[in-house]
N, C-alpha and C. Protein backbone atom coordinates (compact mmCIF):
# COMPACT_ATOMS: atom_id res chain seq x y z
N MET A 1 -336.94 -55.84 43.42
CA MET A 1 -338.33 -56.11 44.03
C MET A 1 -338.42 -57.64 44.08
N GLN A 2 -338.94 -58.09 45.44
CA GLN A 2 -339.18 -59.45 45.66
C GLN A 2 -340.73 -59.64 44.96
N ARG A 3 -340.80 -60.63 44.10
CA ARG A 3 -342.05 -60.77 43.58
C ARG A 3 -342.98 -61.57 44.40
N ASN A 4 -344.27 -60.83 44.65
CA ASN A 4 -345.36 -61.57 45.49
C ASN A 4 -344.87 -61.74 46.72
N ALA A 5 -343.70 -61.29 47.43
CA ALA A 5 -343.51 -61.70 48.59
C ALA A 5 -344.18 -61.13 49.86
N VAL A 6 -345.08 -60.26 49.48
CA VAL A 6 -345.70 -59.26 50.64
C VAL A 6 -347.17 -59.92 50.92
N LEU A 7 -347.49 -60.65 49.89
CA LEU A 7 -349.12 -61.28 50.21
C LEU A 7 -349.05 -62.57 50.09
N THR A 8 -350.16 -63.10 50.58
CA THR A 8 -350.17 -64.84 50.38
C THR A 8 -350.74 -64.98 49.08
N HIS A 9 -350.87 -66.17 48.62
CA HIS A 9 -351.55 -66.49 47.28
C HIS A 9 -353.12 -66.27 47.39
N SER A 10 -353.68 -66.48 48.42
CA SER A 10 -355.28 -66.18 48.57
C SER A 10 -355.27 -64.75 48.31
N GLU A 11 -354.33 -63.90 49.05
CA GLU A 11 -354.41 -62.43 49.14
C GLU A 11 -354.34 -61.87 47.79
N LEU A 12 -353.20 -62.50 47.23
CA LEU A 12 -352.81 -61.85 45.81
C LEU A 12 -354.00 -62.05 44.66
N GLY A 13 -354.60 -63.45 44.92
CA GLY A 13 -355.73 -63.80 44.02
C GLY A 13 -357.01 -62.97 44.22
N TYR A 14 -357.10 -62.47 45.56
CA TYR A 14 -358.19 -61.93 45.80
C TYR A 14 -358.03 -60.19 45.16
N LEU A 15 -356.66 -59.56 45.24
CA LEU A 15 -356.59 -58.25 44.83
C LEU A 15 -356.64 -58.47 43.24
N SER A 16 -356.04 -59.44 42.90
CA SER A 16 -356.18 -59.68 41.28
C SER A 16 -357.44 -59.54 40.78
N ASP A 17 -358.53 -60.02 41.31
CA ASP A 17 -359.82 -60.04 40.98
C ASP A 17 -360.60 -58.62 41.05
N LEU A 18 -359.86 -57.59 41.79
CA LEU A 18 -360.54 -56.38 42.01
C LEU A 18 -360.14 -55.49 40.80
N PHE A 19 -359.62 -55.84 39.80
CA PHE A 19 -359.43 -54.97 38.47
C PHE A 19 -360.58 -54.58 37.95
N GLY A 20 -360.96 -53.33 37.84
CA GLY A 20 -361.97 -52.76 37.19
C GLY A 20 -363.34 -52.89 37.95
N GLN A 21 -362.96 -53.26 39.65
CA GLN A 21 -364.14 -53.32 40.19
C GLN A 21 -363.92 -52.45 41.50
N LYS A 22 -365.26 -52.35 42.21
CA LYS A 22 -365.04 -51.42 43.44
C LYS A 22 -366.06 -52.27 44.61
N GLN A 23 -365.50 -52.84 45.65
CA GLN A 23 -366.47 -53.65 46.64
C GLN A 23 -366.54 -52.75 47.71
N GLU A 24 -367.68 -53.01 48.31
CA GLU A 24 -368.01 -52.65 49.59
C GLU A 24 -367.94 -53.65 50.49
N VAL A 25 -367.04 -53.74 51.70
CA VAL A 25 -367.11 -54.72 52.40
C VAL A 25 -367.88 -54.57 53.82
N VAL A 26 -368.60 -55.16 54.27
CA VAL A 26 -369.22 -54.80 55.55
C VAL A 26 -368.57 -55.91 56.64
N PRO A 27 -367.56 -55.56 57.50
CA PRO A 27 -366.75 -56.50 58.38
C PRO A 27 -367.62 -56.99 59.64
N SER A 28 -367.27 -58.26 60.00
CA SER A 28 -368.10 -58.70 61.14
C SER A 28 -367.77 -57.94 62.50
N TYR A 29 -366.69 -57.32 62.73
CA TYR A 29 -366.35 -56.89 63.94
C TYR A 29 -366.75 -55.48 64.07
N GLY A 30 -367.75 -54.69 63.26
CA GLY A 30 -368.28 -53.65 63.36
C GLY A 30 -369.11 -53.35 62.28
N SER A 31 -369.72 -52.02 62.45
CA SER A 31 -370.77 -51.63 61.48
C SER A 31 -370.19 -50.57 60.62
N VAL A 32 -369.13 -50.35 60.45
CA VAL A 32 -368.34 -49.30 59.52
C VAL A 32 -367.94 -50.23 58.28
N ASN A 33 -368.46 -49.57 57.13
CA ASN A 33 -368.23 -50.24 55.75
C ASN A 33 -366.76 -49.74 55.35
N HIS A 34 -366.13 -50.80 54.78
CA HIS A 34 -364.83 -50.65 54.33
C HIS A 34 -364.87 -50.68 52.81
N ILE A 35 -364.21 -49.72 51.86
CA ILE A 35 -364.35 -49.85 50.52
C ILE A 35 -362.89 -50.31 50.02
N ILE A 36 -362.91 -51.32 49.17
CA ILE A 36 -361.69 -51.51 48.62
C ILE A 36 -361.53 -51.59 46.91
N SER A 37 -360.92 -50.62 46.54
CA SER A 37 -361.03 -50.10 44.94
C SER A 37 -359.59 -50.29 44.44
N VAL A 38 -359.69 -50.42 43.10
CA VAL A 38 -358.46 -50.34 42.33
C VAL A 38 -358.31 -49.11 41.38
N THR A 39 -357.22 -48.45 41.31
CA THR A 39 -357.25 -47.04 40.55
C THR A 39 -355.86 -46.92 39.83
N THR A 40 -355.93 -46.39 38.65
CA THR A 40 -354.47 -46.37 37.84
C THR A 40 -353.91 -44.86 38.25
N GLU A 41 -354.79 -43.86 38.90
CA GLU A 41 -354.34 -42.49 39.17
C GLU A 41 -353.62 -42.52 40.45
N VAL A 42 -352.36 -42.08 40.13
CA VAL A 42 -351.38 -42.07 41.10
C VAL A 42 -350.80 -40.72 41.54
N PRO A 43 -351.25 -40.28 42.77
CA PRO A 43 -350.63 -38.93 43.20
C PRO A 43 -349.27 -38.84 43.10
N GLU A 44 -348.72 -37.59 42.83
CA GLU A 44 -347.35 -37.47 42.41
C GLU A 44 -346.69 -37.74 43.79
N LEU A 45 -346.84 -37.78 45.04
CA LEU A 45 -345.99 -37.99 46.43
C LEU A 45 -345.97 -39.44 46.24
N ILE A 46 -347.05 -40.35 46.26
CA ILE A 46 -347.08 -41.54 46.26
C ILE A 46 -346.18 -41.99 45.18
N SER A 47 -346.44 -41.64 43.90
CA SER A 47 -345.33 -42.00 42.74
C SER A 47 -344.11 -42.02 43.19
N ALA A 48 -343.55 -40.82 43.83
CA ALA A 48 -342.23 -40.47 44.17
C ALA A 48 -341.62 -41.69 45.20
N LEU A 49 -342.78 -42.05 46.16
CA LEU A 49 -341.90 -42.99 47.36
C LEU A 49 -342.19 -44.34 46.47
N LEU A 50 -342.81 -44.49 45.66
CA LEU A 50 -342.75 -45.83 44.95
C LEU A 50 -341.87 -46.00 43.66
N ASP A 51 -340.95 -44.88 43.79
CA ASP A 51 -340.18 -44.67 42.59
C ASP A 51 -340.46 -44.77 41.21
N GLN A 52 -341.61 -43.77 41.26
CA GLN A 52 -342.02 -43.41 40.08
C GLN A 52 -342.76 -45.08 39.01
N ALA A 53 -343.27 -45.70 39.91
CA ALA A 53 -344.02 -46.85 39.30
C ALA A 53 -344.84 -46.49 38.23
N LYS A 54 -344.81 -47.37 37.11
CA LYS A 54 -345.79 -47.10 35.92
C LYS A 54 -347.18 -47.42 36.47
N PHE A 55 -347.35 -48.52 36.94
CA PHE A 55 -348.80 -49.09 37.32
C PHE A 55 -348.76 -49.12 39.18
N THR A 56 -349.73 -48.69 39.73
CA THR A 56 -350.14 -48.99 41.09
C THR A 56 -351.30 -49.59 41.03
N LEU A 57 -351.45 -50.47 42.12
CA LEU A 57 -352.73 -50.81 42.55
C LEU A 57 -352.87 -50.14 44.03
N LEU A 58 -354.30 -49.79 44.05
CA LEU A 58 -354.79 -48.98 45.43
C LEU A 58 -356.01 -50.07 46.19
N ALA A 59 -355.41 -50.53 47.08
CA ALA A 59 -356.54 -51.09 48.03
C ALA A 59 -356.98 -50.35 49.46
N GLU A 60 -357.99 -49.76 49.55
CA GLU A 60 -358.53 -48.78 50.58
C GLU A 60 -359.16 -49.74 51.56
N VAL A 61 -358.77 -49.87 52.80
CA VAL A 61 -359.40 -50.68 53.91
C VAL A 61 -359.54 -49.72 55.14
N GLY A 62 -360.60 -49.19 55.67
CA GLY A 62 -360.89 -48.46 56.79
C GLY A 62 -360.20 -47.28 56.44
N GLN A 63 -359.27 -46.54 57.37
CA GLN A 63 -359.16 -45.20 57.14
C GLN A 63 -357.55 -45.48 56.42
N TYR A 64 -357.18 -46.56 55.80
CA TYR A 64 -355.90 -46.81 55.21
C TYR A 64 -355.85 -47.05 53.88
N LYS A 65 -354.91 -46.59 53.14
CA LYS A 65 -354.85 -47.00 51.85
C LYS A 65 -353.56 -47.68 51.56
N LEU A 66 -353.61 -48.83 50.72
CA LEU A 66 -352.29 -49.48 50.55
C LEU A 66 -351.99 -49.37 49.15
N TRP A 67 -350.74 -48.68 48.66
CA TRP A 67 -350.37 -48.61 47.36
C TRP A 67 -349.73 -49.52 47.06
N PHE A 68 -349.75 -50.32 45.98
CA PHE A 68 -348.74 -51.38 45.67
C PHE A 68 -348.25 -50.85 44.24
N PRO A 69 -347.05 -50.98 44.37
CA PRO A 69 -346.29 -50.77 43.00
C PRO A 69 -346.43 -51.98 42.00
N LEU A 70 -346.88 -52.09 41.06
CA LEU A 70 -347.47 -52.90 40.18
C LEU A 70 -346.70 -53.29 38.88
N ASP A 71 -346.04 -54.58 38.76
CA ASP A 71 -345.73 -54.81 37.20
C ASP A 71 -346.35 -55.66 36.82
N MET A 72 -346.52 -55.71 35.17
CA MET A 72 -347.17 -56.82 34.48
C MET A 72 -346.17 -57.76 33.50
N THR A 73 -345.99 -58.90 34.08
CA THR A 73 -345.12 -59.83 33.34
C THR A 73 -345.76 -60.79 32.50
N LEU A 74 -345.29 -61.30 31.42
CA LEU A 74 -345.71 -62.44 30.62
C LEU A 74 -345.01 -63.75 30.90
N ASP A 75 -346.22 -64.87 31.26
CA ASP A 75 -345.55 -65.99 31.59
C ASP A 75 -345.16 -66.73 30.16
N GLU A 76 -344.90 -68.02 30.55
CA GLU A 76 -344.46 -69.12 29.50
C GLU A 76 -345.44 -69.20 28.49
N PHE A 77 -347.00 -68.92 28.71
CA PHE A 77 -347.84 -68.95 27.81
C PHE A 77 -348.57 -67.73 27.03
N GLY A 78 -347.57 -66.63 27.57
CA GLY A 78 -347.85 -65.36 26.65
C GLY A 78 -349.09 -64.65 27.68
N GLN A 79 -349.57 -65.26 28.94
CA GLN A 79 -350.56 -64.57 29.69
C GLN A 79 -349.81 -63.37 30.54
N LEU A 80 -350.62 -62.19 30.69
CA LEU A 80 -350.11 -61.26 31.56
C LEU A 80 -350.41 -61.36 33.15
N ASN A 81 -349.53 -61.48 33.94
CA ASN A 81 -349.63 -61.77 35.30
C ASN A 81 -349.06 -60.33 35.94
N PRO A 82 -350.19 -60.05 37.22
CA PRO A 82 -349.66 -58.70 37.98
C PRO A 82 -348.70 -59.28 38.96
N VAL A 83 -347.81 -58.67 39.28
CA VAL A 83 -346.70 -58.68 40.30
C VAL A 83 -346.83 -57.72 41.14
N LEU A 84 -346.99 -57.87 42.44
CA LEU A 84 -347.06 -56.65 43.27
C LEU A 84 -345.75 -56.63 44.03
N GLY A 85 -345.56 -54.92 44.16
CA GLY A 85 -344.27 -54.94 45.10
C GLY A 85 -344.83 -54.68 46.61
N ILE A 86 -343.67 -53.99 47.20
CA ILE A 86 -343.99 -53.66 48.43
C ILE A 86 -344.79 -52.51 48.85
N PRO A 87 -345.97 -52.36 49.53
CA PRO A 87 -346.94 -51.46 49.49
C PRO A 87 -346.77 -50.43 50.30
N GLU A 88 -347.08 -48.96 50.06
CA GLU A 88 -346.99 -48.09 50.96
C GLU A 88 -348.15 -47.90 51.56
N VAL A 89 -348.19 -47.69 53.26
CA VAL A 89 -349.60 -47.84 53.87
C VAL A 89 -349.66 -46.19 54.14
N VAL A 90 -350.84 -45.77 53.73
CA VAL A 90 -351.04 -44.47 53.98
C VAL A 90 -352.31 -44.30 54.73
N GLU A 91 -352.52 -43.32 55.66
CA GLU A 91 -353.30 -42.94 56.65
C GLU A 91 -354.24 -41.95 56.10
N HIS A 92 -355.61 -42.00 55.63
CA HIS A 92 -356.29 -40.85 54.92
C HIS A 92 -357.32 -40.31 55.82
N SER A 93 -357.10 -40.28 57.05
CA SER A 93 -358.01 -39.68 57.91
C SER A 93 -357.56 -37.96 58.16
N GLY A 94 -358.17 -37.31 57.50
CA GLY A 94 -357.82 -35.78 57.31
C GLY A 94 -356.39 -35.57 56.47
N THR A 95 -355.59 -35.04 56.95
CA THR A 95 -354.32 -34.89 56.07
C THR A 95 -353.66 -36.44 55.59
N GLU A 96 -353.42 -36.78 54.38
CA GLU A 96 -352.74 -37.92 54.10
C GLU A 96 -351.33 -38.21 54.14
N ARG A 97 -350.80 -39.21 55.16
CA ARG A 97 -349.41 -39.25 55.22
C ARG A 97 -349.07 -40.73 55.39
N SER A 98 -347.78 -41.09 55.45
CA SER A 98 -347.35 -42.36 55.60
C SER A 98 -347.86 -43.11 56.94
N TRP A 99 -348.19 -44.31 57.10
CA TRP A 99 -348.46 -44.72 58.58
C TRP A 99 -347.15 -44.69 59.25
N ARG A 100 -347.31 -44.16 60.49
CA ARG A 100 -346.18 -44.26 61.30
C ARG A 100 -346.38 -45.38 62.61
N LEU A 101 -345.21 -46.12 62.63
CA LEU A 101 -345.11 -47.02 63.65
C LEU A 101 -344.77 -46.07 65.11
N ALA A 102 -345.80 -45.84 66.05
CA ALA A 102 -345.95 -44.94 67.18
C ALA A 102 -344.83 -45.61 68.34
N SER A 103 -345.03 -46.96 68.33
CA SER A 103 -344.11 -47.66 69.27
C SER A 103 -342.96 -48.37 68.57
N ALA A 104 -341.76 -47.97 68.61
CA ALA A 104 -340.66 -48.31 67.99
C ALA A 104 -340.02 -49.42 68.89
N GLN A 105 -340.67 -50.23 69.49
CA GLN A 105 -339.91 -51.00 70.32
C GLN A 105 -339.40 -52.22 69.78
N GLY A 106 -338.08 -52.76 70.05
CA GLY A 106 -337.69 -53.87 69.17
C GLY A 106 -336.82 -53.37 68.26
N ILE A 107 -336.68 -51.96 67.93
CA ILE A 107 -335.68 -51.58 67.16
C ILE A 107 -334.56 -50.96 67.79
N THR A 108 -333.28 -51.19 67.53
CA THR A 108 -332.06 -50.85 68.34
C THR A 108 -331.39 -49.90 67.17
N LEU A 109 -330.52 -49.03 67.94
CA LEU A 109 -329.54 -48.29 67.20
C LEU A 109 -328.24 -49.01 67.12
N GLY A 110 -327.73 -49.20 65.74
CA GLY A 110 -326.67 -49.94 65.59
C GLY A 110 -325.27 -49.36 66.33
N ASP A 111 -325.19 -47.96 66.62
CA ASP A 111 -324.10 -47.54 66.89
C ASP A 111 -324.42 -47.44 68.42
N GLY A 112 -323.43 -48.07 69.25
CA GLY A 112 -323.51 -48.04 70.70
C GLY A 112 -323.28 -46.97 71.42
N ARG A 113 -322.97 -46.03 70.60
CA ARG A 113 -322.80 -44.45 71.43
C ARG A 113 -324.13 -43.86 71.65
N TYR A 114 -325.02 -44.49 70.91
CA TYR A 114 -326.27 -43.66 71.30
C TYR A 114 -327.28 -44.47 72.10
N ALA A 115 -326.81 -45.73 72.64
CA ALA A 115 -327.76 -46.52 73.47
C ALA A 115 -328.01 -45.72 74.67
N GLU A 116 -329.49 -45.67 74.89
CA GLU A 116 -329.84 -45.12 76.03
C GLU A 116 -329.88 -43.56 75.94
N LYS A 117 -329.33 -42.83 74.91
CA LYS A 117 -329.12 -41.58 74.65
C LYS A 117 -329.82 -40.97 73.65
N VAL A 118 -330.26 -41.60 72.76
CA VAL A 118 -331.18 -41.40 71.55
C VAL A 118 -332.21 -42.48 71.36
N GLN A 119 -333.18 -42.10 71.57
CA GLN A 119 -334.50 -42.99 71.55
C GLN A 119 -335.27 -42.63 70.41
N LEU A 120 -335.61 -43.93 69.45
CA LEU A 120 -336.56 -43.79 68.62
C LEU A 120 -337.87 -43.88 68.88
N ILE A 121 -338.78 -42.89 68.83
CA ILE A 121 -339.90 -42.75 69.21
C ILE A 121 -341.04 -43.00 68.17
N SER A 122 -340.91 -42.75 66.79
CA SER A 122 -341.60 -43.12 65.88
C SER A 122 -340.90 -43.45 64.60
N LEU A 123 -341.63 -44.28 63.85
CA LEU A 123 -340.93 -44.28 62.31
C LEU A 123 -342.01 -44.73 61.49
N SER A 124 -341.65 -44.25 60.06
CA SER A 124 -342.40 -44.54 58.91
C SER A 124 -341.50 -44.58 57.78
N SER A 125 -341.99 -44.92 56.54
CA SER A 125 -341.03 -45.10 55.37
C SER A 125 -340.27 -43.90 54.94
N THR A 126 -341.05 -42.68 55.40
CA THR A 126 -340.30 -41.40 54.90
C THR A 126 -339.52 -40.76 56.02
N GLY A 127 -339.69 -41.00 57.40
CA GLY A 127 -338.93 -40.12 58.22
C GLY A 127 -338.96 -41.13 59.27
N MET A 128 -338.52 -40.28 60.56
CA MET A 128 -338.54 -40.69 61.90
C MET A 128 -338.24 -39.69 62.96
N ALA A 129 -338.93 -39.92 64.18
CA ALA A 129 -338.69 -38.85 65.27
C ALA A 129 -337.80 -39.66 66.24
N LEU A 130 -336.90 -38.74 66.68
CA LEU A 130 -335.80 -39.30 67.68
C LEU A 130 -336.04 -38.24 69.10
N LYS A 131 -335.76 -38.77 70.04
CA LYS A 131 -335.71 -38.28 71.41
C LYS A 131 -334.16 -38.17 71.84
N LEU A 132 -333.66 -37.10 71.99
CA LEU A 132 -332.23 -36.84 72.30
C LEU A 132 -331.98 -36.65 73.61
N HIS A 133 -331.23 -37.72 74.60
CA HIS A 133 -331.02 -37.03 75.84
C HIS A 133 -329.52 -36.82 76.10
N CYS A 134 -328.94 -36.65 75.15
CA CYS A 134 -327.42 -35.97 75.68
C CYS A 134 -327.00 -35.07 74.35
N THR A 135 -326.90 -33.71 74.50
CA THR A 135 -326.70 -32.62 73.71
C THR A 135 -325.38 -32.95 73.10
N LYS A 136 -324.40 -33.52 73.46
CA LYS A 136 -323.32 -33.41 72.52
C LYS A 136 -323.38 -34.47 71.45
N LEU A 137 -323.91 -35.77 71.81
CA LEU A 137 -324.18 -36.78 70.74
C LEU A 137 -325.46 -36.34 69.88
N ALA A 138 -326.27 -35.78 70.40
CA ALA A 138 -327.19 -35.09 69.56
C ALA A 138 -326.66 -34.26 68.36
N GLU A 139 -325.76 -33.40 68.91
CA GLU A 139 -325.05 -32.54 67.70
C GLU A 139 -324.15 -33.18 66.72
N GLN A 140 -323.41 -34.53 67.35
CA GLN A 140 -322.78 -35.36 66.20
C GLN A 140 -323.77 -36.00 65.33
N LEU A 141 -324.99 -36.72 65.94
CA LEU A 141 -325.70 -37.28 65.10
C LEU A 141 -326.47 -36.22 64.15
N MET A 142 -326.71 -34.96 64.38
CA MET A 142 -327.22 -33.93 63.39
C MET A 142 -326.24 -33.68 62.52
N GLN A 143 -325.01 -33.81 62.97
CA GLN A 143 -324.27 -33.54 61.74
C GLN A 143 -323.69 -34.53 60.67
N GLN A 144 -323.70 -36.01 61.48
CA GLN A 144 -323.40 -36.95 60.49
C GLN A 144 -324.73 -37.30 59.65
N GLN A 145 -325.62 -37.11 59.94
CA GLN A 145 -327.12 -37.43 59.30
C GLN A 145 -327.09 -38.74 58.62
N GLU A 146 -326.52 -39.75 59.44
CA GLU A 146 -326.73 -41.21 59.08
C GLU A 146 -326.86 -42.13 60.27
N LEU A 147 -327.74 -43.18 60.27
CA LEU A 147 -327.78 -43.94 61.44
C LEU A 147 -328.34 -45.21 61.14
N GLU A 148 -327.66 -46.37 61.86
CA GLU A 148 -328.07 -47.71 61.53
C GLU A 148 -329.04 -48.11 62.51
N LEU A 149 -330.14 -48.70 62.05
CA LEU A 149 -331.25 -49.32 62.57
C LEU A 149 -331.23 -50.71 62.45
N THR A 150 -331.34 -51.42 63.66
CA THR A 150 -331.55 -53.06 63.75
C THR A 150 -332.70 -53.38 63.95
N LEU A 151 -333.51 -53.83 62.74
CA LEU A 151 -335.04 -54.35 63.07
C LEU A 151 -335.21 -55.50 64.00
N PRO A 152 -336.30 -55.84 64.50
CA PRO A 152 -336.49 -56.84 65.28
C PRO A 152 -336.06 -58.33 64.73
N ASP A 153 -336.08 -58.66 63.57
CA ASP A 153 -335.98 -59.71 62.68
C ASP A 153 -334.10 -59.80 62.68
N GLY A 154 -333.56 -58.74 63.20
CA GLY A 154 -331.95 -58.87 63.07
C GLY A 154 -331.50 -58.11 61.70
N GLN A 155 -332.44 -57.66 60.82
CA GLN A 155 -331.88 -56.98 59.58
C GLN A 155 -331.29 -55.63 59.96
N SER A 156 -330.03 -55.00 59.43
CA SER A 156 -329.84 -53.83 59.70
C SER A 156 -330.15 -52.82 58.55
N VAL A 157 -330.47 -51.68 58.67
CA VAL A 157 -330.90 -50.93 57.65
C VAL A 157 -330.20 -49.41 58.09
N SER A 158 -329.17 -49.15 57.31
CA SER A 158 -328.51 -47.86 57.15
C SER A 158 -329.31 -46.89 56.63
N VAL A 159 -329.64 -45.77 57.25
CA VAL A 159 -330.61 -44.58 56.79
C VAL A 159 -329.70 -43.29 56.78
N CYS A 160 -330.03 -42.56 55.71
CA CYS A 160 -329.69 -41.31 55.83
C CYS A 160 -330.96 -40.31 56.04
N PHE A 161 -330.49 -39.14 56.60
CA PHE A 161 -331.64 -38.61 56.91
C PHE A 161 -331.34 -36.86 57.03
N MET A 162 -332.32 -35.93 57.12
CA MET A 162 -332.15 -34.63 57.22
C MET A 162 -333.05 -34.30 58.14
N PRO A 163 -332.84 -33.55 59.15
CA PRO A 163 -333.76 -33.08 60.26
C PRO A 163 -334.39 -31.84 59.59
N VAL A 164 -335.62 -32.14 60.02
CA VAL A 164 -336.72 -30.83 59.65
C VAL A 164 -337.29 -30.06 60.63
N ARG A 165 -337.37 -30.43 61.67
CA ARG A 165 -337.97 -29.49 62.75
C ARG A 165 -337.37 -30.06 64.31
N GLN A 166 -337.28 -29.43 65.19
CA GLN A 166 -336.95 -29.77 66.49
C GLN A 166 -337.69 -29.07 67.68
N GLN A 167 -338.46 -29.66 68.43
CA GLN A 167 -339.32 -29.29 69.55
C GLN A 167 -338.67 -29.90 71.16
N GLY A 168 -338.23 -29.21 71.66
CA GLY A 168 -337.50 -29.75 72.93
C GLY A 168 -336.50 -30.88 72.33
N ALA A 169 -336.49 -31.97 72.98
CA ALA A 169 -335.61 -33.01 72.93
C ALA A 169 -335.84 -33.81 71.76
N VAL A 170 -337.05 -33.50 70.97
CA VAL A 170 -337.84 -34.47 70.07
C VAL A 170 -337.52 -33.85 68.73
N VAL A 171 -336.61 -34.57 67.70
CA VAL A 171 -336.32 -34.21 66.58
C VAL A 171 -337.15 -34.97 65.43
N ALA A 172 -337.45 -34.20 64.30
CA ALA A 172 -338.11 -35.18 63.53
C ALA A 172 -337.52 -35.08 62.25
N ALA A 173 -337.14 -36.03 61.48
CA ALA A 173 -336.13 -36.09 60.42
C ALA A 173 -336.89 -36.94 59.32
N ARG A 174 -336.62 -36.52 58.00
CA ARG A 174 -336.94 -37.01 56.63
C ARG A 174 -335.93 -37.82 56.18
N PHE A 175 -336.11 -39.11 55.64
CA PHE A 175 -334.99 -39.91 55.14
C PHE A 175 -334.71 -39.36 53.85
N THR A 176 -333.51 -39.76 53.49
CA THR A 176 -332.76 -39.21 51.90
C THR A 176 -332.13 -40.45 51.46
N THR A 177 -332.76 -41.54 52.09
CA THR A 177 -331.89 -42.91 52.02
C THR A 177 -332.25 -43.63 50.57
N GLY A 178 -331.50 -44.41 50.19
CA GLY A 178 -331.91 -45.19 48.98
C GLY A 178 -332.94 -46.23 48.72
N LYS A 179 -333.33 -46.76 47.52
CA LYS A 179 -334.29 -47.55 47.32
C LYS A 179 -334.31 -48.93 48.19
N LEU A 180 -332.99 -49.17 48.22
CA LEU A 180 -332.83 -50.76 48.80
C LEU A 180 -333.32 -50.70 50.33
N GLN A 181 -332.87 -49.44 50.92
CA GLN A 181 -333.33 -49.03 52.31
C GLN A 181 -334.68 -49.11 52.61
N ARG A 182 -335.27 -48.09 51.51
CA ARG A 182 -336.76 -47.89 51.74
C ARG A 182 -337.52 -48.90 51.62
N ASP A 183 -337.20 -49.63 50.82
CA ASP A 183 -337.94 -51.03 50.23
C ASP A 183 -338.07 -51.85 51.69
N MET A 184 -336.69 -52.09 52.21
CA MET A 184 -336.54 -52.72 53.41
C MET A 184 -337.58 -52.06 54.87
N LEU A 185 -337.42 -50.86 54.79
CA LEU A 185 -338.52 -50.25 55.85
C LEU A 185 -339.83 -50.52 55.67
N ARG A 186 -340.33 -50.30 54.12
CA ARG A 186 -341.64 -50.33 53.83
C ARG A 186 -342.27 -51.69 54.08
N ARG A 187 -341.36 -52.82 53.89
CA ARG A 187 -341.57 -54.22 54.04
C ARG A 187 -342.22 -54.52 55.54
N PHE A 188 -340.90 -53.86 56.28
CA PHE A 188 -341.00 -53.91 57.90
C PHE A 188 -342.28 -53.30 58.46
N LEU A 189 -342.51 -52.01 57.74
CA LEU A 189 -343.74 -51.39 58.47
C LEU A 189 -345.16 -51.92 58.12
N PHE A 190 -345.08 -52.52 56.80
CA PHE A 190 -346.41 -53.12 56.34
C PHE A 190 -346.42 -54.23 57.31
N GLN A 191 -345.50 -55.16 57.71
CA GLN A 191 -345.77 -56.45 58.32
C GLN A 191 -346.25 -55.92 59.65
N CYS A 192 -345.73 -54.79 60.38
CA CYS A 192 -346.13 -54.44 61.61
C CYS A 192 -347.74 -53.85 61.54
N HIS A 193 -348.00 -53.20 60.32
CA HIS A 193 -349.39 -52.82 60.07
C HIS A 193 -350.26 -53.94 60.10
N ARG A 194 -349.88 -54.86 59.39
CA ARG A 194 -350.86 -56.09 59.47
C ARG A 194 -350.92 -56.72 60.88
N GLN A 195 -349.89 -56.62 61.65
CA GLN A 195 -349.86 -57.13 62.94
C GLN A 195 -350.70 -56.41 63.97
N HIS A 196 -350.59 -54.89 63.81
CA HIS A 196 -351.56 -54.13 64.63
C HIS A 196 -352.98 -54.03 64.31
N PHE A 197 -353.18 -54.57 63.03
CA PHE A 197 -354.61 -54.54 62.78
C PHE A 197 -355.24 -55.70 61.83
N PRO A 198 -355.09 -56.73 62.39
CA PRO A 198 -355.24 -57.86 61.67
C PRO A 198 -356.67 -58.05 61.05
N ALA A 199 -357.52 -57.63 61.77
CA ALA A 199 -358.82 -57.60 61.27
C ALA A 199 -359.04 -56.75 59.98
N LEU A 200 -358.55 -55.94 59.74
CA LEU A 200 -358.65 -55.20 58.33
C LEU A 200 -358.05 -56.03 57.21
N TYR A 201 -357.24 -57.02 57.76
CA TYR A 201 -356.88 -57.81 56.48
C TYR A 201 -357.46 -59.27 56.31
N GLN A 202 -358.56 -59.26 57.16
CA GLN A 202 -359.41 -60.52 57.23
C GLN A 202 -359.88 -60.78 55.77
N GLN A 203 -360.69 -59.73 55.28
CA GLN A 203 -361.15 -59.82 53.99
C GLN A 203 -360.12 -60.21 52.81
N LEU A 204 -358.91 -59.82 52.92
CA LEU A 204 -357.85 -60.55 51.70
C LEU A 204 -357.90 -61.85 51.83
N GLY A 205 -358.14 -62.57 52.99
CA GLY A 205 -357.51 -63.97 53.15
C GLY A 205 -358.47 -64.96 52.35
């Protein structure tokens, strides 16, 4: 876990001040209130996604929940300091689910055999949806159940997956990959979420 690498110092300070509090924020860009709160009650599904984190900080902004794995460390003066990990971004409009990047442009498949024949159409920290344009390669991909994704910043993430359903040429798959790869995807998706919804993060600045 990289320490506090996902937030700026001002954002970290803001979230640290939230312990034991619940705040109602009225953003300047609209009339809908946003609640930011902290809880120590972690749903089982979220706990599993965050590798059974003992402590978790929850920030609710708009229709999204940001679940931060939280470590408490002692500094040289014996003071407890919160150390935030990479958050899981969850949509809570109706059924809760991990936020999906609907437009996966800029993400390429590392294996050249799949270029223009397998299209990544959505991505979350828990799975992905693929559109398959070649039956033979689709069968090979479904059998090997492993794929290398190259992110826009050049990082390569090797993901293992399990197909869960297929509708026509579109296959939905669940990731079975390890912690390192999940953390890389979670960090990338969190940054994408910040870029897609900058107004939601203004209150953390």
